[in-house]
C-alpha atoms as a PDB file:
ATOM      1  CA  MET A   1      70.750  -8.527  -5.125  1.00  0.00           C
ATOM      2  CA  ASN A   2      71.036 -12.172  -5.943  1.00  0.00           C
ATOM      3  CA  LYS A   3      68.208 -13.944  -8.235  1.00  0.00           C
ATOM      4  CA  LYS A   4      66.310 -15.112  -5.242  1.00  0.00           C
ATOM      5  CA  LEU A   5      65.779 -11.836  -3.454  1.00  0.00           C
ATOM      6  CA  TYR A   6      64.815 -10.432  -6.914  1.00  0.00           C
ATOM      7  CA  MET A   7      62.036 -12.960  -7.123  1.00  0.00           C
ATOM      8  CA  GLN A   8      60.972 -12.675  -3.592  1.00  0.00           C
ATOM      9  CA  LEU A   9      60.687  -8.929  -3.892  1.00  0.00           C
ATOM     10  CA  ALA A  10      58.675  -9.476  -7.670  1.00  0.00           C
ATOM     11  CA  GLY A  11      56.371 -12.076  -5.004  1.00  0.00           C
ATOM     12  CA  SER A  12      55.965  -9.445  -2.610  1.00  0.00           C
ATOM     13  CA  ILE A  13      54.631  -6.984  -5.198  1.00  0.00           C
ATOM     14  CA  THR A  14      52.701  -9.369  -6.655  1.00  0.00           C
ATOM     15  CA  PHE A  15      50.800 -10.563  -3.184  1.00  0.00           C
ATOM     16  CA  MET A  16      50.433  -6.902  -2.580  1.00  0.00           C
ATOM     17  CA  THR A  17      48.765  -6.213  -6.124  1.00  0.00           C
ATOM     18  CA  PHE A  18      46.650  -9.263  -5.761  1.00  0.00           C
ATOM     19  CA  ALA A  19      45.298  -8.394  -2.172  1.00  0.00           C
ATOM     20  CA  PHE A  20      44.677  -4.571  -3.012  1.00  0.00           C
ATOM     21  CA  LEU A  21      42.389  -5.760  -6.033  1.00  0.00           C
ATOM     22  CA  SER A  22      40.534  -7.999  -3.838  1.00  0.00           C
ATOM     23  CA  TYR A  23      39.935  -5.831  -1.147  1.00  0.00           C
ATOM     24  CA  ILE A  24      38.594  -3.366  -3.700  1.00  0.00           C
ATOM     25  CA  VAL A  25      36.640  -6.335  -5.631  1.00  0.00           C
ATOM     26  CA  LYS A  26      34.791  -7.158  -2.185  1.00  0.00           C
ATOM     27  CA  PHE A  27      34.052  -3.773  -0.873  1.00  0.00           C
ATOM     28  CA  TYR A  28      34.329  -1.099  -3.554  1.00  0.00           C
ATOM     29  CA  PRO A  29      33.837  -2.865  -6.726  1.00  0.00           C
ATOM     30  CA  HIS A  30      32.420   0.292  -8.655  1.00  0.00           C
ATOM     31  CA  TRP A  31      35.880   1.940  -8.126  1.00  0.00           C
ATOM     32  CA  LEU A  32      37.339  -0.459 -10.409  1.00  0.00           C
ATOM     33  CA  GLU A  33      34.535   0.251 -13.443  1.00  0.00           C
ATOM     34  CA  PRO A  34      36.936   2.862 -15.213  1.00  0.00           C
ATOM     35  CA  PHE A  35      39.572   0.443 -15.391  1.00  0.00           C
ATOM     36  CA  ASP A  36      37.619  -2.676 -16.598  1.00  0.00           C
ATOM     37  CA  ASN A  37      35.362  -0.656 -19.276  1.00  0.00           C
ATOM     38  CA  THR A  38      38.564   1.038 -20.845  1.00  0.00           C
ATOM     39  CA  LEU A  39      40.349  -2.373 -21.088  1.00  0.00           C
ATOM     40  CA  THR A  40      36.945  -4.176 -22.006  1.00  0.00           C
ATOM     41  CA  SER A  41      35.886  -2.052 -24.908  1.00  0.00           C
ATOM     42  CA  ILE A  42      39.317  -1.468 -26.234  1.00  0.00           C
ATOM     43  CA  ILE A  43      39.750  -5.402 -26.769  1.00  0.00           C
ATOM     44  CA  ARG A  44      36.169  -5.929 -27.509  1.00  0.00           C
ATOM     45  CA  ALA A  45      36.354  -3.374 -30.633  1.00  0.00           C
ATOM     46  CA  LEU A  46      38.355  -6.530 -32.469  1.00  0.00           C
ATOM     47  CA  HIS A  47      34.469  -7.693 -32.165  1.00  0.00           C
ATOM     48  CA  PRO A  48      33.759 -10.185 -34.192  1.00  0.00           C
ATOM     49  CA  GLN A  49      36.572 -10.136 -36.587  1.00  0.00           C
ATOM     50  CA  TRP A  50      38.422 -12.513 -33.909  1.00  0.00           C
ATOM     51  CA  ASN A  51      35.783 -14.534 -33.221  1.00  0.00           C
ATOM     52  CA  ARG A  52      37.667 -17.348 -34.143  1.00  0.00           C
ATOM     53  CA  PHE A  53      41.319 -16.857 -33.116  1.00  0.00           C
ATOM     54  CA  PHE A  54      39.884 -15.740 -29.477  1.00  0.00           C
ATOM     55  CA  LEU A  55      37.118 -19.298 -29.144  1.00  0.00           C
ATOM     56  CA  TRP A  56      40.667 -21.086 -30.476  1.00  0.00           C
ATOM     57  CA  ILE A  57      43.081 -20.112 -28.210  1.00  0.00           C
ATOM     58  CA  THR A  58      40.834 -19.487 -24.897  1.00  0.00           C
ATOM     59  CA  PRO A  59      40.958 -23.429 -24.363  1.00  0.00           C
ATOM     60  CA  LEU A  60      44.384 -23.758 -23.843  1.00  0.00           C
ATOM     61  CA  GLY A  61      44.041 -22.179 -20.626  1.00  0.00           C
ATOM     62  CA  GLY A  62      40.990 -24.315 -19.429  1.00  0.00           C
ATOM     63  CA  THR A  63      41.061 -26.980 -17.241  1.00  0.00           C
ATOM     64  CA  THR A  64      40.862 -29.977 -19.733  1.00  0.00           C
ATOM     65  CA  SER A  65      44.242 -28.520 -21.586  1.00  0.00           C
ATOM     66  CA  ILE A  66      45.940 -27.739 -18.676  1.00  0.00           C
ATOM     67  CA  VAL A  67      45.514 -31.571 -17.521  1.00  0.00           C
ATOM     68  CA  ILE A  68      46.449 -32.808 -20.335  1.00  0.00           C
ATOM     69  CA  LEU A  69      49.482 -30.828 -20.996  1.00  0.00           C
ATOM     70  CA  LEU A  70      50.316 -31.168 -17.177  1.00  0.00           C
ATOM     71  CA  PHE A  71      50.367 -35.069 -17.710  1.00  0.00           C
ATOM     72  CA  ALA A  72      52.371 -35.122 -20.740  1.00  0.00           C
ATOM     73  CA  MET A  73      54.970 -32.675 -19.093  1.00  0.00           C
ATOM     74  CA  LEU A  74      55.142 -34.938 -16.056  1.00  0.00           C
ATOM     75  CA  LEU A  75      55.741 -38.189 -18.399  1.00  0.00           C
ATOM     76  CA  LEU A  76      58.921 -36.176 -19.670  1.00  0.00           C
ATOM     77  CA  LEU A  77      60.152 -34.881 -16.260  1.00  0.00           C
ATOM     78  CA  PHE A  78      60.132 -38.545 -14.743  1.00  0.00           C
ATOM     79  CA  TYR A  79      61.762 -39.768 -18.329  1.00  0.00           C
ATOM     80  CA  GLN A  80      64.648 -37.314 -17.861  1.00  0.00           C
ATOM     81  CA  LYS A  81      64.734 -38.327 -14.098  1.00  0.00           C
ATOM     82  CA  LYS A  82      63.824 -34.307 -12.930  1.00  0.00           C
ATOM     83  CA  TYR A  83      61.765 -35.399  -9.846  1.00  0.00           C
ATOM     84  CA  GLU A  84      62.120 -32.131  -8.204  1.00  0.00           C
ATOM     85  CA  ALA A  85      60.248 -30.573 -11.347  1.00  0.00           C
ATOM     86  CA  ALA A  86      57.790 -32.588 -11.338  1.00  0.00           C
ATOM     87  CA  VAL A  87      56.817 -32.441  -7.640  1.00  0.00           C
ATOM     88  CA  TRP A  88      57.227 -28.386  -8.340  1.00  0.00           C
ATOM     89  CA  LEU A  89      55.174 -27.934 -11.236  1.00  0.00           C
ATOM     90  CA  SER A  90      52.070 -30.433 -10.611  1.00  0.00           C
ATOM     91  CA  LEU A  91      52.066 -29.210  -7.212  1.00  0.00           C
ATOM     92  CA  SER A  92      51.873 -25.324  -8.309  1.00  0.00           C
ATOM     93  CA  VAL A  93      48.825 -26.366 -10.303  1.00  0.00           C
ATOM     94  CA  ALA A  94      47.080 -28.180  -8.225  1.00  0.00           C
ATOM     95  CA  THR A  95      47.338 -26.147  -5.124  1.00  0.00           C
ATOM     96  CA  VAL A  96      47.000 -22.512  -7.411  1.00  0.00           C
ATOM     97  CA  ALA A  97      44.425 -23.390 -10.144  1.00  0.00           C
ATOM     98  CA  GLY A  98      42.858 -26.515  -8.191  1.00  0.00           C
ATOM     99  CA  VAL A  99      42.270 -26.080  -4.886  1.00  0.00           C
ATOM    100  CA  LEU A 100      43.118 -21.922  -4.260  1.00  0.00           C
ATOM    101  CA  ASN A 101      41.351 -20.254  -7.219  1.00  0.00           C
ATOM    102  CA  PRO A 102      37.900 -22.023  -6.807  1.00  0.00           C
ATOM    103  CA  LEU A 103      37.725 -21.157  -3.016  1.00  0.00           C
ATOM    104  CA  LEU A 104      38.555 -17.505  -3.934  1.00  0.00           C
ATOM    105  CA  LYS A 105      36.108 -17.652  -6.397  1.00  0.00           C
ATOM    106  CA  LEU A 106      33.573 -18.735  -3.964  1.00  0.00           C
ATOM    107  CA  PHE A 107      34.351 -16.326  -1.218  1.00  0.00           C
ATOM    108  CA  PHE A 108      33.936 -13.205  -3.732  1.00  0.00           C
ATOM    109  CA  THR A 109      31.038 -14.526  -5.199  1.00  0.00           C
ATOM    110  CA  ARG A 110      31.769 -11.645  -8.178  1.00  0.00           C
ATOM    111  CA  GLU A 111      29.527 -12.208 -11.254  1.00  0.00           C
ATOM    112  CA  ARG A 112      30.578 -11.796 -14.604  1.00  0.00           C
ATOM    113  CA  PRO A 113      30.244  -9.051 -17.590  1.00  0.00           C
ATOM    114  CA  LEU A 114      26.703  -8.277 -18.298  1.00  0.00           C
ATOM    115  CA  LEU A 115      27.764  -8.342 -21.763  1.00  0.00           C
ATOM    116  CA  GLU A 116      27.339 -11.282 -24.671  1.00  0.00           C
ATOM    117  CA  HIS A 117      29.129 -14.641 -23.567  1.00  0.00           C
ATOM    118  CA  LEU A 118      30.586 -16.072 -26.644  1.00  0.00           C
ATOM    119  CA  VAL A 119      31.373 -18.946 -24.247  1.00  0.00           C
ATOM    120  CA  SER A 120      29.721 -20.995 -21.322  1.00  0.00           C
ATOM    121  CA  GLU A 121      30.189 -20.059 -18.242  1.00  0.00           C
ATOM    122  CA  THR A 122      28.892 -20.898 -14.941  1.00  0.00           C
ATOM    123  CA  SER A 123      31.218 -19.963 -11.749  1.00  0.00           C
ATOM    124  CA  TYR A 124      32.159 -16.835 -10.505  1.00  0.00           C
ATOM    125  CA  SER A 125      34.371 -14.172 -12.088  1.00  0.00           C
ATOM    126  CA  PHE A 126      37.103 -13.201  -9.763  1.00  0.00           C
ATOM    127  CA  PRO A 127      39.983 -14.283  -9.951  1.00  0.00           C
ATOM    128  CA  SER A 128      40.089 -15.584 -13.490  1.00  0.00           C
ATOM    129  CA  GLY A 129      40.588 -19.506 -13.798  1.00  0.00           C
ATOM    130  CA  HIS A 130      42.067 -19.330 -17.131  1.00  0.00           C
ATOM    131  CA  ALA A 131      44.397 -16.376 -16.416  1.00  0.00           C
ATOM    132  CA  THR A 132      45.479 -18.390 -12.783  1.00  0.00           C
ATOM    133  CA  ALA A 133      45.745 -21.749 -14.502  1.00  0.00           C
ATOM    134  CA  SER A 134      47.767 -20.473 -17.592  1.00  0.00           C
ATOM    135  CA  MET A 135      49.877 -18.569 -15.451  1.00  0.00           C
ATOM    136  CA  VAL A 136      51.198 -21.323 -12.898  1.00  0.00           C
ATOM    137  CA  PHE A 137      51.118 -24.077 -15.732  1.00  0.00           C
ATOM    138  CA  TYR A 138      52.968 -21.938 -18.562  1.00  0.00           C
ATOM    139  CA  GLY A 139      54.124 -19.575 -16.173  1.00  0.00           C
ATOM    140  CA  GLY A 140      56.198 -23.095 -14.532  1.00  0.00           C
ATOM    141  CA  LEU A 141      57.348 -23.889 -17.943  1.00  0.00           C
ATOM    142  CA  PHE A 142      58.975 -20.454 -18.092  1.00  0.00           C
ATOM    143  CA  LEU A 143      60.605 -20.653 -15.413  1.00  0.00           C
ATOM    144  CA  LEU A 144      61.689 -24.678 -15.574  1.00  0.00           C
ATOM    145  CA  SER A 145      62.848 -24.638 -19.683  1.00  0.00           C
ATOM    146  CA  SER A 146      66.520 -24.259 -18.958  1.00  0.00           C
ATOM    147  CA  LEU A 147      65.728 -27.807 -18.015  1.00  0.00           C
ATOM    148  CA  PHE A 148      64.999 -28.639 -21.882  1.00  0.00           C
ATOM    149  CA  ILE A 149      66.650 -26.137 -23.559  1.00  0.00           C
ATOM    150  CA  GLN A 150      70.397 -25.462 -23.370  1.00  0.00           C
ATOM    151  CA  SER A 151      70.749 -22.951 -26.251  1.00  0.00           C
ATOM    152  CA  LYS A 152      69.723 -19.830 -24.869  1.00  0.00           C
ATOM    153  CA  SER A 153      68.429 -18.093 -28.121  1.00  0.00           C
ATOM    154  CA  TRP A 154      66.250 -21.281 -28.542  1.00  0.00           C
ATOM    155  CA  ARG A 155      65.572 -20.498 -24.569  1.00  0.00           C
ATOM    156  CA  ILE A 156      64.638 -17.429 -25.233  1.00  0.00           C
ATOM    157  CA  CYS A 157      61.861 -18.114 -28.150  1.00  0.00           C
ATOM    158  CA  LEU A 158      60.186 -20.989 -26.014  1.00  0.00           C
ATOM    159  CA  GLN A 159      60.337 -18.635 -23.085  1.00  0.00           C
ATOM    160  CA  THR A 160      58.289 -15.331 -25.443  1.00  0.00           C
ATOM    161  CA  SER A 161      56.235 -18.125 -26.665  1.00  0.00           C
ATOM    162  CA  LEU A 162      54.661 -19.146 -23.806  1.00  0.00           C
ATOM    163  CA  ALA A 163      54.314 -15.478 -22.121  1.00  0.00           C
ATOM    164  CA  ILE A 164      53.031 -14.378 -25.354  1.00  0.00           C
ATOM    165  CA  LEU A 165      50.494 -17.369 -24.858  1.00  0.00           C
ATOM    166  CA  ILE A 166      49.394 -16.321 -21.397  1.00  0.00           C
ATOM    167  CA  LEU A 167      49.012 -12.615 -22.205  1.00  0.00           C
ATOM    168  CA  PHE A 168      46.477 -14.208 -25.188  1.00  0.00           C
ATOM    169  CA  ILE A 169      44.698 -16.622 -22.780  1.00  0.00           C
ATOM    170  CA  GLY A 170      44.225 -13.513 -20.560  1.00  0.00           C
ATOM    171  CA  ILE A 171      43.087 -11.099 -23.446  1.00  0.00           C
ATOM    172  CA  SER A 172      40.269 -14.052 -24.662  1.00  0.00           C
ATOM    173  CA  ARG A 173      38.508 -14.188 -21.629  1.00  0.00           C
ATOM    174  CA  ILE A 174      37.792 -10.296 -21.875  1.00  0.00           C
ATOM    175  CA  TYR A 175      36.921 -10.279 -25.365  1.00  0.00           C
ATOM    176  CA  LEU A 176      34.735 -13.456 -24.955  1.00  0.00           C
ATOM    177  CA  GLY A 177      32.728 -11.569 -22.289  1.00  0.00           C
ATOM    178  CA  VAL A 178      32.905 -13.543 -19.420  1.00  0.00           C
ATOM    179  CA  HIS A 179      35.494 -11.697 -17.788  1.00  0.00           C
ATOM    180  CA  PHE A 180      36.743  -7.934 -16.264  1.00  0.00           C
ATOM    181  CA  PRO A 181      40.355  -7.385 -17.094  1.00  0.00           C
ATOM    182  CA  SER A 182      40.618  -7.070 -13.058  1.00  0.00           C
ATOM    183  CA  ASP A 183      39.829 -10.430 -12.951  1.00  0.00           C
ATOM    184  CA  ILE A 184      42.882 -11.228 -15.067  1.00  0.00           C
ATOM    185  CA  LEU A 185      45.138  -9.483 -13.687  1.00  0.00           C
ATOM    186  CA  ALA A 186      44.429 -10.466 -10.206  1.00  0.00           C
ATOM    187  CA  GLY A 187      44.557 -14.538 -11.799  1.00  0.00           C
ATOM    188  CA  TYR A 188      47.862 -13.465 -12.982  1.00  0.00           C
ATOM    189  CA  CYS A 189      48.990 -12.113  -9.915  1.00  0.00           C
ATOM    190  CA  GLU A 190      47.527 -15.312  -7.874  1.00  0.00           C
ATOM    191  CA  SER A 191      50.090 -17.495  -9.787  1.00  0.00           C
ATOM    192  CA  LEU A 192      52.780 -15.380 -10.039  1.00  0.00           C
ATOM    193  CA  THR A 193      52.975 -14.627  -6.374  1.00  0.00           C
ATOM    194  CA  TRP A 194      53.363 -18.619  -5.645  1.00  0.00           C
ATOM    195  CA  LEU A 195      55.688 -19.197  -8.524  1.00  0.00           C
ATOM    196  CA  LEU A 196      58.013 -16.633  -7.641  1.00  0.00           C
ATOM    197  CA  LEU A 197      57.692 -17.385  -3.818  1.00  0.00           C
ATOM    198  CA  THR A 198      58.138 -21.074  -4.485  1.00  0.00           C
ATOM    199  CA  TYR A 199      60.453 -21.568  -7.494  1.00  0.00           C
ATOM    200  CA  PRO A 200      63.899 -20.737  -4.940  1.00  0.00           C
ATOM    201  CA  ILE A 201      62.848 -22.947  -2.292  1.00  0.00           C
ATOM    202  CA  TYR A 202      62.779 -25.484  -5.693  1.00  0.00           C
ATOM    203  CA  LEU A 203      65.772 -24.451  -6.628  1.00  0.00           C
ATOM    204  CA  LYS A 204      67.421 -24.558  -2.861  1.00  0.00           C
ATOM    205  CA  GLN A 205      65.986 -28.088  -2.820  1.00  0.00           C
ATOM    206  CA  GLN A 206      67.242 -29.572  -5.811  1.00  0.00           C
ATOM    207  CA  HIS A 207      70.789 -28.329  -4.956  1.00  0.00           C
ATOM    208  CA  ARG A 208      71.142 -30.302  -1.793  1.00  0.00           C
ATOM    209  CA  ILE A 209      69.376 -33.350  -3.669  1.00  0.00           C
ATOM    210  CA  LEU A 210      72.168 -33.009  -6.411  1.00  0.00           C
ATOM    211  CA  GLN A 211      74.925 -32.203  -3.384  1.00  0.00           C
ATOM    212  CA  LYS A 212      73.475 -35.691  -1.779  1.00  0.00           C
ATOM    213  CA  ARG A 213      73.925 -37.487  -5.049  1.00  0.00           C
ATOM    214  CA  LYS A 214      77.581 -36.084  -5.593  1.00  0.00           C
ATOM    215  CA  SER A 215      78.332 -37.328  -2.368  1.00  0.00           C
END
């Protein structure tokens, strides 16, 4: 099985996971209470000692940070003439985090947890916007890292750092009391589905353009 089929299979799994969570949240939200309450209790046990850390890391998944970092990455990609990568990354962030996620929030209208909120939030809870945005942007960089780093060891270091960052942004939203764990999981799955199913298309398009340039 080649890389494309592996990614399509993984994307299908994340899509089914998202669909399953969506169905439960819409019709049987109480089914998720044991899962959400258990993980929330574990993470909130760190309160208040980890306040400073999570208050620092959570904005890295917010709109302002993602837009600024995306703009910087697009400048770098255009400077290096990686136009296809720039289009794919910007389209991914705009479509998933900018359009799809807000629409899904309005459809599910899930209220946020009845915990003390350590940050102010006004939108609905499901799926998590921070989890969605961090996964689609930093996850996109994870997949594109080979464009910038040729050394395998350094590339693995960068990819590991990006994966840890995505994880901690998600955890921060639970710790700060503004999301259920199922919101975070759904946000991750939403973005992963897009990345895993569209990245092979980007690679195929990139290969075609390179072949045209050589001919």
